[in-house]
Amino acid sequence: MTDFERKVYRIIFNMTRFGKNPSMEQLKRKTGKSEEDIRAAVKSLMMKGELKWDKRKQIWSI
């Protein structure tokens, strides 16, 4: 896991712990990166099995 992937993972983890899903705008503000970079990091984390999106509940599962 790269440093940026770890940062995105920790942001998602910490926000979902309190029942919130981070929006793209929140992720962009907290990381200082572009939407494309964030999407690539999330896709990589999903392919590695670190993150999963629960379509039914509309929330990240870690």
Protein backbone atom coordinates (compact mmCIF):
# COMPACT_ATOMS: atom_id res chain seq x y z
CA MET A 1 0.00 0.00 0.00
CA THR A 2 1.44 3.36 -0.99
CA ASP A 3 1.47 6.35 1.35
CA PHE A 4 -1.36 8.00 -0.57
CA GLU A 5 -3.47 4.83 -0.53
CA ARG A 6 -2.88 4.57 3.21
CA LYS A 7 -3.98 8.19 3.66
CA VAL A 8 -7.19 7.65 1.68
CA TYR A 9 -7.84 4.40 3.56
CA ARG A 10 -7.42 6.09 6.95
CA ILE A 11 -9.74 8.96 5.98
CA ILE A 12 -12.45 6.55 4.82
CA PHE A 13 -11.91 4.31 7.86
CA ASN A 14 -12.13 7.16 10.37
CA MET A 15 -15.21 8.73 8.78
CA THR A 16 -17.11 5.45 8.43
CA ARG A 17 -16.42 4.67 12.09
CA PHE A 18 -18.78 7.53 12.90
CA GLY A 19 -21.38 6.55 10.31
CA LYS A 20 -20.39 9.02 7.59
CA ASN A 21 -19.34 8.43 4.01
CA PRO A 22 -16.72 10.89 2.82
CA SER A 23 -17.68 12.76 -0.32
CA MET A 24 -15.27 13.33 -3.17
CA GLU A 25 -15.04 17.00 -2.17
CA GLN A 26 -14.08 16.03 1.39
CA LEU A 27 -11.44 13.60 0.11
CA LYS A 28 -10.04 16.23 -2.25
CA ARG A 29 -9.85 18.78 0.57
CA LYS A 30 -8.28 16.38 3.08
CA THR A 31 -5.72 14.89 0.67
CA GLY A 32 -4.98 17.87 -1.56
CA LYS A 33 -5.07 15.60 -4.61
CA SER A 34 -7.19 15.53 -7.75
CA GLU A 35 -10.29 13.42 -8.26
CA GLU A 36 -8.43 11.17 -10.71
CA ASP A 37 -5.71 10.42 -8.14
CA ILE A 38 -8.27 9.63 -5.45
CA ARG A 39 -10.27 7.38 -7.78
CA ALA A 40 -7.11 5.48 -8.74
CA ALA A 41 -6.19 4.99 -5.07
CA VAL A 42 -9.69 3.78 -4.15
CA LYS A 43 -9.77 1.44 -7.15
CA SER A 44 -6.39 0.02 -6.14
CA LEU A 45 -7.57 -0.49 -2.54
CA MET A 46 -10.71 -2.24 -3.78
CA MET A 47 -8.70 -4.55 -6.04
CA LYS A 48 -6.42 -5.43 -3.11
CA GLY A 49 -9.47 -6.25 -0.97
CA GLU A 50 -8.83 -3.48 1.57
CA LEU A 51 -12.09 -1.63 0.78
CA LYS A 52 -15.50 -2.88 -0.31
CA TRP A 53 -18.57 -0.88 -1.26
CA ASP A 54 -21.84 -2.27 0.07
CA LYS A 55 -24.35 -1.29 -2.61
CA ARG A 56 -27.34 -2.21 -0.51
CA LYS A 57 -26.36 -0.12 2.52
CA GLN A 58 -24.49 2.54 0.49
CA ILE A 59 -21.51 2.47 2.84
CA TRP A 60 -17.86 1.38 2.78
CA SER A 61 -16.95 -1.85 4.51
CA ILE A 62 -13.41 -2.19 5.71
